[in-house]
Amino acid sequence: MSATLGTLLQQLQPDWKIVVCERLSDLAAESSNAWNNAGTGHAALCELNYMPQAADGTVDAAKAVAINEQFQQSRQLWSSLIDRGILDEPSTFINATPHMTFVRGEKDVAYLRARYEELKKQPLFEGIEYSEDSRVINQWAPLLMQKRRRGEPFAATRVPAGTDVDFGALTRQLFGHLQERGVEVFTNREVRGLKKQDDGTWKVSYRHSLGKTPGSFNARFVFVGAGGWAIKLLQRSGIPEINGYGVFPIGGQFLKTTNPAIVAQHQAKVYSQASVGAPPMSVPHLDTRVVDGEASLLFGPFATFSPKFLKTGRITDIVAQVRPGNLGVMLKVAVTNFDLVKYLVGELVKTHKKKVDSLREFVPTAQDADWEIIQAGQRAQVMKKDPAKGGTLQFGTEVVTSADGTIAGLLGASPGASTAASIMLGLLKTCFPDRISGWEPTLRELIPSYGSTLNGDAAAADASMTATAEALNINR
């Protein structure tokens, strides 16, 4: 998010001075790190939680379409940045990987069929395929069908135009270009305080992680893109807009294999239904990953718990966020999410063997010895006030902005990085209302669909997806 915002501002206002502070010794080492997330280019092609089934059995494509629209803007921005020499060759951060959904049981098969019938009408989902034929699904993803029980109802959808994204590599490339353009990018610099000054600027206080030397600078605008720590810094800023917010950290683990014989049999990201009580970010999926040119497979995630808001956070994080304004919200969330607590407890007691047993629901032939456990990143899910419930646990991303637009921060998780372009465009409108009209010509050069939607115009959707597929060297 921070790299995307910095890149947009540098393109729009190259005379502005930009400073980036990173508390770790390297960039993109937390949520953007390739092994801390699944690398799914979230376009709602395979994620069922973006299109839940209503009580009457109907399905609504509106949210899925909205998320796909957002991802198309990211694709357009990346394509433009490649043309401008800002990003490297596409395969260094994005690779074509079909997106699939696989379900079992009559109820879920009926739902997936209804979902497919709705999505195939949408221009942005052109090319989606559906099958209940084991021979077809075996061609799409052989590992799913080996030794599958006869007579078991199952179905799958497939979109060849899906992608696998190394957001860590993408982030480092964006920051590298910013440094070439004179942006100061400091590592080992932990921001400790944000204080509004009489002249309207923000005093940003920091200390060096090595040696603890303090320092500060003033800024006219501050963006807090600190992952789970964003709430801590926004609270320290004192802006009233953060009152009532809290976050609940959920960690994750994946099973990973680099066995060439296994990896060669699976070229897709395959999502399924979440367990009862599981948060949307814990939807089980079997993914092809390409990191530093090497392919592997990940399965998970398996939820873990830590009071830290970041992998490199502090064990006091979850308690230190408590304020009078959010205590009631957090207590309400605690008593109304028993299914989530039950799910987390069940996940925490799973052994390696039990995790591979879960994998065998996807890959019946999976062997324990072929898969290792890796620790993924921390996701700080948003807790916020709700007029009807008192407090709610929200799965998604949310930008919190001060009334005067001089400071903003991002809370939440998935779809996250995939929709960074869209989210940062919204931030520009909110925080720079007096400049946005003057920036629009450049924004349309960078993101041709800026200010419009693609799904309502089949020709425009086709042209955009074809152009970005060619620029990014991925499937149409």
Foldseek 3Di string as FASTA:
>chain_A
DVLLLLLLCCLQPVVDAAEAEAQAPDPCPFQLAQQQAQQWLQQLLAQCVQWDADPVRATDCVSSQVSNQLLLLVLLLVLLCVVVVLDDALVQWKAFFKAKEKEWDPVVLSSVVNVVVVQCVWLLNPQKDKDQDLVVVCVQFVLQRPPDDPPIGMMMIIHRQIMGGSSSSVSVSSVVSVVVSPHHYDYQKAFDAWEQDPVQWIWTWIARNPPRHIDTDTGQAAEAAPALCLLVHVVRHVFPLSFFKAWFKKWWKKKKFQPVVNQVRHRHKYWYDDDFLADSSFTWIWHWHAHPNGTMIITTTQIADACARKPPGDSCNRVVSDDPRHPQQVVLAVVVRVSNVVSRVVSHPDDLVNVVVVVCNRRVPDDSVRIDMDIHIMWIWMWGQDPVRRIDTDADKDKGAHPQLRYIYMHHDPVPPSSVSVVSLVSCCRNPVVCVVVSVVVSCSSRVQPPHGDRVPSVSSVVSSVVSCVSSVYDD
